[in-house]
Amino acid sequence: MSNSKFSTTKSSPSLFSSSPPSSSTFSLPSSDEDSLPYQKFACILVRGSRMALEWYVFNISDDVEHNQAPPPPGPSPFLQAIFHPFSVNSHQQQHIKPAVIVPSGRKCSVLGSNNTLYHIPGHHLCASGRDDLVSRFDLTNTKKSRQEFLPPMPNGVSSAHALFLGNKLYCLGGYEENKPWAMAYDLSLDRWDSLVDPPRRPENTYNIFSVAIEVPTPTIVVGSTLQSCPLQIYDVHTKCWRLHEFINKDGFYLFPRGQPVAVDSKFYCDQCLLDGEIDSPPRLAHLAGDDFCLFWGSPCQHYNPVAPLESVTSRLHCLKFRISKLHPKQGSTFRLDASILSCQSYVVPGVKLFFDGFVG
C-alpha cells in the first residue's frame, strides 16, 4: 500500500446522453492520436443542477492544446494556477458538455468492458423509486441516446459500491438482512448471482473501500476507511471470503479519502497533493505502468453574486503524474514521490459537485 508526495516537472468530449444530447466532439482514442505511451479516455461524474448526475468524457492527451502550460519550478505556482485560474480568460479554456445525464441517483457507477458505463442509482434518489435496478450506457454509441437496464438485482441497495472484474459487474451493499450483501452480474449469461456474505457484513457502504484485483487471482478486497481492521478478501474462483490482518507500521492513516487504486498486488492512495484546496475528495486512477492521474473539480469559478446564473462556471481537472520506482518488502506500507506530467482542465457551465473519475 502506498500514498504519494508530489513534485513538479513538466481534452474533446461528449457523445451521448439519456437527456439532452451533447454537441461536443469526443471520440475514442486512436492508436496514433497522442504521444502518450497509452491510449486512454477519462470519464468524470458530477452532480449538476436539480440533483442531476452528469458524466463528462474526454480523451487523455499530453498535447499543448488540451493541457495547461508546463509548470514553473516548485509546486505552488502550478497548483495555484489550477485551483484559482481567475487570470485566465474563459474563452481560452476547453469547454465540454456531458456525455450522459440522468435525472437523479446515487453516485455509484463504474466503467466496464467495451467502454460501457454502469450506474446503480440506489433507492432514495432514484427517479423510478426502484432500489434493485442498474442502468448502462454505451460510450461508443454516438448516434443513439438510449439507457438500457439490466435484470433486477437479487437485493436492493440504498448506496453501493460497483466493481468490474473479469466479465462480471459486482455490486456491494445490499441492505435487506436476509438477502445477499454482494451480487455479481454475468454479462455473457445476462443474470445476477448472489455471493455469500463476508465474515463481517458492513452495515453501510459509506465508511468502506473496495477494490478489484486481477492478479495473482481475481479478488475483491473490502476494508474500512475509519479504523484499522482486517481486510475482507473474496476469492472469485473459490467463492469464499477470508480475513487478512493488515498492520500499519508507518504511523500514517492509509485511507482518509475513501477509495484506493489497486495495481497488481499494491494499493495506492493520495493523501497530500490537494489538501485544503477543494470541496470534495479527488479520485485517483491508474493509467499504465508508473503513470497515474488525479481527477477533481473546482466549483464556482468566476462566481459573482450579482452576475447572471448562466455566467457561473466550474472546471474539471485531470492531473497526470508518474510515481517513483520502489521495490518494498511484501506487506509493507511506504510513501512515494511523484512528478507531475501535465494537467487537462475543462470548463463546464454552472455549479458542479465532483463525485468520481474513471479511466477507460
Protein backbone atom coordinates (compact mmCIF):
# COMPACT_ATOMS: atom_id res chain seq x y z
CA MET A 1 0.00 0.00 0.00
CA SER A 2 1.21 3.46 -0.67
CA ASN A 3 0.43 7.14 -0.72
CA SER A 4 2.07 9.89 -2.71
CA LYS A 5 4.13 13.03 -2.22
CA PHE A 6 4.24 15.25 -5.29
CA SER A 7 6.82 17.42 -7.04
CA THR A 8 6.62 19.19 -10.39
CA THR A 9 8.29 18.62 -13.74
CA LYS A 10 6.75 19.30 -16.83
CA SER A 11 -9.29 17.07 -23.94
CA SER A 12 -12.67 16.54 -26.87
CA PRO A 13 -15.65 15.12 -25.32
CA SER A 14 -19.12 14.00 -25.21
CA LEU A 15 -21.14 11.65 -27.21
CA PHE A 16 -24.45 10.58 -25.94
CA SER A 17 -26.87 11.25 -23.14
CA SER A 18 -30.13 9.96 -21.79
CA SER A 19 -31.44 13.51 -21.80
CA PRO A 20 -30.14 16.43 -23.91
CA PRO A 21 -27.59 15.16 -26.44
CA SER A 22 -24.17 16.73 -26.48
CA SER A 23 -22.73 18.80 -29.29
CA SER A 24 -19.07 18.29 -28.40
CA THR A 25 -16.57 16.11 -30.17
CA PHE A 26 -15.45 13.16 -28.04
CA SER A 27 -14.10 10.12 -29.88
CA LEU A 28 -12.31 7.08 -28.51
CA PRO A 29 -8.52 7.41 -28.85
CA SER A 30 -6.87 6.06 -31.97
CA SER A 31 -3.53 4.31 -31.86
CA ASP A 32 -1.58 7.31 -33.17
CA GLU A 33 -3.61 10.17 -31.72
CA ASP A 34 -1.39 11.23 -28.86
CA SER A 35 2.23 10.89 -27.87
CA LEU A 36 1.44 9.26 -24.54
CA PRO A 37 2.57 5.62 -24.43
CA TYR A 38 -1.03 4.59 -23.72
CA GLN A 39 -4.37 5.48 -25.28
CA LYS A 40 -7.00 6.21 -22.65
CA PHE A 41 -10.11 8.27 -22.10
CA ALA A 42 -11.43 9.80 -18.90
CA CYS A 43 -14.95 9.86 -17.50
CA ILE A 44 -15.80 12.34 -14.72
CA LEU A 45 -19.02 12.24 -12.70
CA VAL A 46 -20.51 15.37 -11.12
CA ARG A 47 -23.82 16.44 -9.64
CA GLY A 48 -25.33 19.35 -11.51
CA SER A 49 -28.47 21.44 -11.14
CA ARG A 50 -31.66 19.90 -9.75
CA MET A 51 -29.74 16.86 -8.43
CA ALA A 52 -29.00 15.55 -11.94
CA LEU A 53 -25.94 13.34 -12.44
CA GLU A 54 -23.68 14.25 -15.35
CA TRP A 55 -20.79 12.23 -16.85
CA TYR A 56 -18.20 14.10 -18.91
CA VAL A 57 -15.93 12.14 -21.25
CA PHE A 58 -12.68 13.24 -22.92
CA ASN A 59 -9.53 11.73 -24.37
CA ILE A 60 -6.48 11.76 -22.12
CA SER A 61 -3.83 13.68 -24.01
CA ASP A 62 -0.47 15.35 -23.45
CA ASP A 63 -0.58 17.79 -26.36
CA VAL A 64 -0.44 21.51 -25.59
CA GLU A 65 -3.91 22.19 -26.98
CA HIS A 66 -5.53 20.15 -24.23
CA ASN A 67 -3.18 20.85 -21.32
CA GLN A 68 -2.20 23.80 -19.19
CA ALA A 69 1.22 25.35 -19.69
CA PRO A 70 4.15 23.41 -18.19
CA PRO A 71 4.54 24.30 -14.51
CA PRO A 72 7.32 26.56 -13.21
CA PRO A 73 9.77 25.20 -10.61
CA GLY A 74 8.10 24.31 -7.32
CA PRO A 75 4.56 23.04 -6.78
CA SER A 76 2.82 26.17 -5.52
CA PRO A 77 2.58 28.34 -8.68
CA PHE A 78 1.31 25.47 -10.81
CA LEU A 79 -1.26 24.28 -8.28
CA GLN A 80 -2.34 27.89 -7.65
CA ALA A 81 -2.99 28.30 -11.37
CA ILE A 82 -5.08 25.12 -11.41
CA PHE A 83 -7.20 25.92 -8.38
CA HIS A 84 -7.56 29.68 -8.87
CA PRO A 85 -7.45 30.37 -12.63
CA PHE A 86 -9.13 33.77 -12.40
CA SER A 87 -6.44 35.37 -14.53
CA VAL A 88 -7.15 33.01 -17.44
CA ASN A 89 -9.78 34.12 -19.93
CA SER A 90 -12.65 31.66 -20.06
CA HIS A 91 -12.73 31.70 -23.87
CA GLN A 92 -9.23 30.24 -23.87
CA GLN A 93 -10.34 27.21 -21.87
CA GLN A 94 -11.63 23.95 -23.32
CA HIS A 95 -15.42 23.67 -22.96
CA ILE A 96 -17.24 20.34 -22.88
CA LYS A 97 -20.80 19.11 -22.44
CA PRO A 98 -21.98 15.98 -20.62
CA ALA A 99 -21.93 12.67 -22.45
CA VAL A 100 -24.58 11.12 -20.18
CA ILE A 101 -27.20 12.74 -17.94
CA VAL A 102 -29.64 11.04 -15.56
CA PRO A 103 -32.25 12.98 -13.57
CA SER A 104 -31.12 11.76 -10.14
CA GLY A 105 -29.50 8.88 -8.29
CA ARG A 106 -26.55 7.89 -6.14
CA LYS A 107 -23.04 8.40 -7.43
CA CYS A 108 -22.27 4.68 -7.73
CA SER A 109 -21.00 3.96 -11.26
CA VAL A 110 -18.19 2.08 -12.96
CA LEU A 111 -16.72 1.59 -16.41
CA GLY A 112 -16.95 -1.95 -17.73
CA SER A 113 -15.75 -3.77 -20.82
CA ASN A 114 -16.40 -2.39 -24.31
CA ASN A 115 -16.49 1.19 -22.97
CA THR A 116 -19.78 0.66 -21.19
CA LEU A 117 -20.82 2.84 -18.25
CA TYR A 118 -22.86 1.16 -15.48
CA HIS A 119 -24.85 3.19 -12.96
CA ILE A 120 -26.51 1.94 -9.77
CA PRO A 121 -28.87 4.73 -8.66
CA GLY A 122 -29.96 3.28 -5.31
CA HIS A 123 -33.32 3.88 -3.67
CA HIS A 124 -33.72 7.32 -2.13
CA LEU A 125 -32.55 9.41 -5.09
CA CYS A 126 -33.72 7.13 -7.91
CA ALA A 127 -36.40 8.72 -10.09
CA SER A 128 -38.18 5.38 -10.52
CA GLY A 129 -38.21 4.61 -6.80
CA ARG A 130 -36.68 1.20 -7.51
CA ASP A 131 -33.69 0.06 -5.45
CA ASP A 132 -32.71 -3.01 -7.50
CA LEU A 133 -32.02 -1.50 -10.94
CA VAL A 134 -28.76 -0.96 -12.81
CA SER A 135 -28.60 1.08 -16.00
CA ARG A 136 -25.89 1.05 -18.64
CA PHE A 137 -24.77 3.38 -21.41
CA ASP A 138 -22.62 2.62 -24.43
CA LEU A 139 -19.93 5.32 -24.60
CA THR A 140 -19.03 4.36 -28.17
CA ASN A 141 -22.57 4.97 -29.41
CA THR A 142 -22.65 8.46 -30.88
CA LYS A 143 -25.93 8.13 -32.78
CA LYS A 144 -28.40 6.77 -30.24
CA SER A 145 -29.47 8.17 -26.89
CA ARG A 146 -30.52 5.04 -25.08
CA GLN A 147 -30.48 3.96 -21.47
CA GLU A 148 -30.61 0.19 -21.02
CA PHE A 149 -31.47 -1.65 -17.81
CA LEU A 150 -30.04 -4.90 -16.52
CA PRO A 151 -32.29 -7.55 -14.95
CA PRO A 152 -33.23 -6.61 -11.34
CA MET A 153 -30.63 -7.37 -8.66
CA PRO A 154 -31.34 -10.06 -6.01
CA ASN A 155 -31.31 -7.37 -3.30
CA GLY A 156 -31.96 -3.65 -3.32
CA VAL A 157 -29.36 -1.05 -2.41
CA SER A 158 -29.55 2.38 -0.84
CA SER A 159 -25.96 3.20 -1.68
CA ALA A 160 -23.49 0.76 -3.18
CA HIS A 161 -20.01 0.06 -4.47
CA ALA A 162 -19.59 -1.13 -8.05
CA LEU A 163 -16.58 -3.08 -9.34
CA PHE A 164 -15.82 -4.66 -12.69
CA LEU A 165 -13.72 -7.80 -12.64
CA GLY A 166 -13.32 -10.27 -15.47
CA ASN A 167 -16.57 -10.27 -17.37
CA LYS A 168 -18.72 -9.54 -14.33
CA LEU A 169 -20.14 -6.48 -12.64
CA TYR A 170 -20.04 -6.71 -8.83
CA CYS A 171 -22.40 -4.71 -6.65
CA LEU A 172 -21.70 -4.43 -2.91
CA GLY A 173 -24.21 -3.00 -0.47
CA GLY A 174 -27.46 -4.96 -0.38
CA TYR A 175 -29.31 -3.67 2.68
CA GLU A 176 -32.01 -6.28 3.42
CA GLU A 177 -30.57 -8.61 6.06
CA ASN A 178 -31.99 -11.85 4.71
CA LYS A 179 -30.75 -11.13 1.19
CA PRO A 180 -27.20 -11.03 -0.21
CA TRP A 181 -24.88 -8.11 0.56
CA ALA A 182 -22.77 -8.77 -2.57
CA MET A 183 -24.08 -9.64 -6.04
CA ALA A 184 -22.44 -10.37 -9.40
CA TYR A 185 -23.89 -9.80 -12.87
CA ASP A 186 -22.53 -12.11 -15.59
CA LEU A 187 -22.54 -10.23 -18.90
CA SER A 188 -22.37 -13.39 -21.00
CA LEU A 189 -25.31 -15.06 -19.20
CA ASP A 190 -27.31 -11.86 -18.56
CA ARG A 191 -28.09 -12.83 -14.99
CA TRP A 192 -27.27 -11.97 -11.38
CA ASP A 193 -25.76 -14.37 -8.86
CA SER A 194 -25.73 -13.91 -5.09
CA LEU A 195 -22.39 -14.06 -3.26
CA VAL A 196 -22.00 -15.41 0.25
CA ASP A 197 -21.82 -12.67 2.86
CA PRO A 198 -18.41 -11.54 4.14
CA PRO A 199 -17.44 -12.58 7.70
CA ARG A 200 -18.20 -9.04 8.93
CA ARG A 201 -21.07 -7.73 6.85
CA PRO A 202 -20.79 -3.90 6.69
CA GLU A 203 -23.82 -2.01 7.96
CA ASN A 204 -23.45 0.55 5.16
CA THR A 205 -21.07 1.40 2.32
CA TYR A 206 -20.21 4.97 3.35
CA ASN A 207 -17.22 4.03 5.50
CA ILE A 208 -15.67 1.23 3.48
CA PHE A 209 -13.40 1.00 0.46
CA SER A 210 -13.45 -1.76 -2.15
CA VAL A 211 -11.04 -2.69 -4.92
CA ALA A 212 -10.86 -5.39 -7.58
CA ILE A 213 -7.52 -7.17 -8.15
CA GLU A 214 -6.78 -9.26 -11.24
CA VAL A 215 -3.52 -10.94 -10.17
CA PRO A 216 -2.36 -13.34 -8.87
CA THR A 217 -6.01 -14.42 -8.75
CA PRO A 218 -9.23 -12.42 -9.30
CA THR A 219 -10.03 -10.97 -5.90
CA ILE A 220 -12.25 -8.35 -4.27
CA VAL A 221 -10.89 -6.56 -1.21
CA VAL A 222 -13.11 -4.66 1.27
CA GLY A 223 -11.78 -2.58 4.14
CA SER A 224 -12.66 0.27 6.48
CA THR A 225 -11.85 3.93 5.84
CA LEU A 226 -12.36 4.80 9.53
CA GLN A 227 -10.27 2.41 11.55
CA SER A 228 -7.59 -0.22 11.32
CA CYS A 229 -9.25 -3.61 10.97
CA PRO A 230 -8.73 -6.81 8.97
CA LEU A 231 -9.29 -6.68 5.24
CA GLN A 232 -12.09 -8.89 3.92
CA ILE A 233 -10.96 -10.69 0.77
CA TYR A 234 -13.24 -12.52 -1.65
CA ASP A 235 -11.66 -15.08 -3.99
CA VAL A 236 -13.65 -15.24 -7.23
CA HIS A 237 -12.51 -18.79 -8.02
CA THR A 238 -13.26 -20.38 -4.64
CA LYS A 239 -16.25 -18.07 -3.97
CA CYS A 240 -15.13 -17.69 -0.36
CA TRP A 241 -14.24 -14.75 1.89
CA ARG A 242 -11.30 -14.65 4.27
CA LEU A 243 -9.93 -12.12 6.74
CA HIS A 244 -6.45 -10.70 6.27
CA GLU A 245 -4.82 -8.80 9.10
CA PHE A 246 -3.14 -5.60 7.99
CA ILE A 247 -0.78 -3.85 10.38
CA ASN A 248 0.28 -0.32 9.51
CA LYS A 249 3.77 0.14 10.95
CA ASP A 250 4.45 3.54 9.39
CA GLY A 251 2.09 5.51 11.61
CA PHE A 252 0.10 7.33 8.90
CA TYR A 253 -3.59 6.77 8.25
CA LEU A 254 -4.00 4.99 4.94
CA PHE A 255 -7.43 5.73 3.53
CA PRO A 256 -8.71 9.16 4.62
CA ARG A 257 -10.22 9.85 1.19
CA GLY A 258 -12.01 6.58 0.67
CA GLN A 259 -11.19 4.62 -2.45
CA PRO A 260 -7.61 3.49 -3.14
CA VAL A 261 -6.46 2.13 -6.50
CA ALA A 262 -5.27 -1.44 -6.87
CA VAL A 263 -2.42 -2.17 -9.29
CA ASP A 264 -1.19 -5.76 -9.26
CA SER A 265 -0.93 -6.56 -5.54
CA LYS A 266 -0.46 -2.97 -4.32
CA PHE A 267 -2.90 -0.30 -3.16
CA TYR A 268 -2.24 3.35 -3.98
CA CYS A 269 -3.93 6.33 -2.35
CA ASP A 270 -3.39 10.09 -2.40
CA GLN A 271 -3.11 11.93 0.90
CA CYS A 272 -1.08 15.04 0.19
CA LEU A 273 -1.46 16.90 -3.06
CA LEU A 274 -4.84 18.60 -2.83
CA ASP A 275 -5.29 19.01 0.92
CA GLY A 276 -7.29 22.12 1.75
CA GLU A 277 -7.75 23.12 -1.88
CA ILE A 278 -11.04 21.53 -2.94
CA ASP A 279 -14.53 20.90 -1.59
CA SER A 280 -14.88 17.19 -2.38
CA PRO A 281 -12.23 14.45 -2.33
CA PRO A 282 -10.35 13.79 -5.59
CA ARG A 283 -10.25 10.40 -7.27
CA LEU A 284 -7.07 8.55 -8.13
CA ALA A 285 -6.87 6.35 -11.25
CA HIS A 286 -4.19 4.24 -12.90
CA LEU A 287 -3.14 4.94 -16.48
CA ALA A 288 -0.34 2.47 -17.22
CA GLY A 289 2.94 1.37 -15.67
CA ASP A 290 4.08 4.04 -13.21
CA ASP A 291 1.66 6.68 -14.57
CA PHE A 292 -1.46 7.72 -12.67
CA CYS A 293 -3.94 10.57 -12.80
CA LEU A 294 -5.95 12.50 -10.25
CA PHE A 295 -9.47 13.79 -11.01
CA TRP A 296 -11.23 16.62 -9.19
CA GLY A 297 -13.46 19.63 -9.76
CA SER A 298 -13.22 23.34 -8.95
CA PRO A 299 -16.78 24.59 -8.32
CA CYS A 300 -17.99 28.15 -8.69
CA GLN A 301 -15.06 29.54 -10.65
CA HIS A 302 -15.52 33.21 -11.59
CA TYR A 303 -18.51 33.41 -9.24
CA ASN A 304 -20.14 36.82 -8.82
CA PRO A 305 -23.28 37.05 -6.61
CA VAL A 306 -24.83 39.74 -8.82
CA ALA A 307 -23.94 38.09 -12.14
CA PRO A 308 -26.47 36.01 -14.10
CA LEU A 309 -26.54 32.37 -13.07
CA GLU A 310 -25.61 31.23 -16.58
CA SER A 311 -22.27 33.04 -16.25
CA VAL A 312 -21.17 30.78 -13.38
CA THR A 313 -18.76 28.04 -14.43
CA SER A 314 -16.92 25.12 -12.88
CA ARG A 315 -13.79 23.32 -14.00
CA LEU A 316 -12.94 19.63 -14.23
CA HIS A 317 -9.31 18.53 -13.94
CA CYS A 318 -7.19 15.52 -14.86
CA LEU A 319 -3.68 15.76 -13.41
CA LYS A 320 -1.25 13.17 -14.81
CA PHE A 321 1.83 12.18 -12.83
CA ARG A 322 4.49 9.49 -12.57
CA ILE A 323 5.47 7.78 -9.34
CA SER A 324 8.97 6.86 -8.26
CA LYS A 325 10.09 3.27 -8.70
CA LEU A 326 10.43 1.43 -5.40
CA HIS A 327 10.67 -2.24 -4.53
CA PRO A 328 9.42 -2.55 -0.93
CA LYS A 329 9.05 -5.66 1.12
CA GLN A 330 5.81 -7.53 0.68
CA GLY A 331 3.17 -6.48 3.21
CA SER A 332 4.77 -3.12 3.99
CA THR A 333 3.41 0.40 3.58
CA PHE A 334 5.53 3.12 2.04
CA ARG A 335 5.41 6.65 0.71
CA LEU A 336 6.10 7.59 -2.90
CA ASP A 337 7.47 10.63 -4.66
CA ALA A 338 5.70 11.67 -7.85
CA SER A 339 6.41 14.07 -10.71
CA ILE A 340 3.62 16.00 -12.41
CA LEU A 341 3.47 15.41 -16.18
CA SER A 342 0.59 17.62 -17.30
CA CYS A 343 -2.93 18.71 -16.40
CA GLN A 344 -6.03 18.83 -18.57
CA SER A 345 -8.77 21.22 -17.45
CA TYR A 346 -12.21 21.82 -18.91
CA VAL A 347 -14.86 24.46 -18.31
CA VAL A 348 -18.45 23.36 -17.68
CA PRO A 349 -21.44 25.65 -17.09
CA GLY A 350 -22.99 26.08 -13.66
CA VAL A 351 -22.02 24.85 -10.20
CA LYS A 352 -20.89 21.22 -10.24
CA LEU A 353 -20.09 18.96 -7.30
CA PHE A 354 -17.36 16.48 -8.21
CA PHE A 355 -18.18 12.86 -7.36
CA ASP A 356 -15.90 10.47 -9.20
CA GLY A 357 -13.48 9.86 -12.08
CA PHE A 358 -12.55 6.79 -14.13
CA VAL A 359 -10.10 5.78 -16.83
CA GLY A 360 -11.22 3.68 -19.78
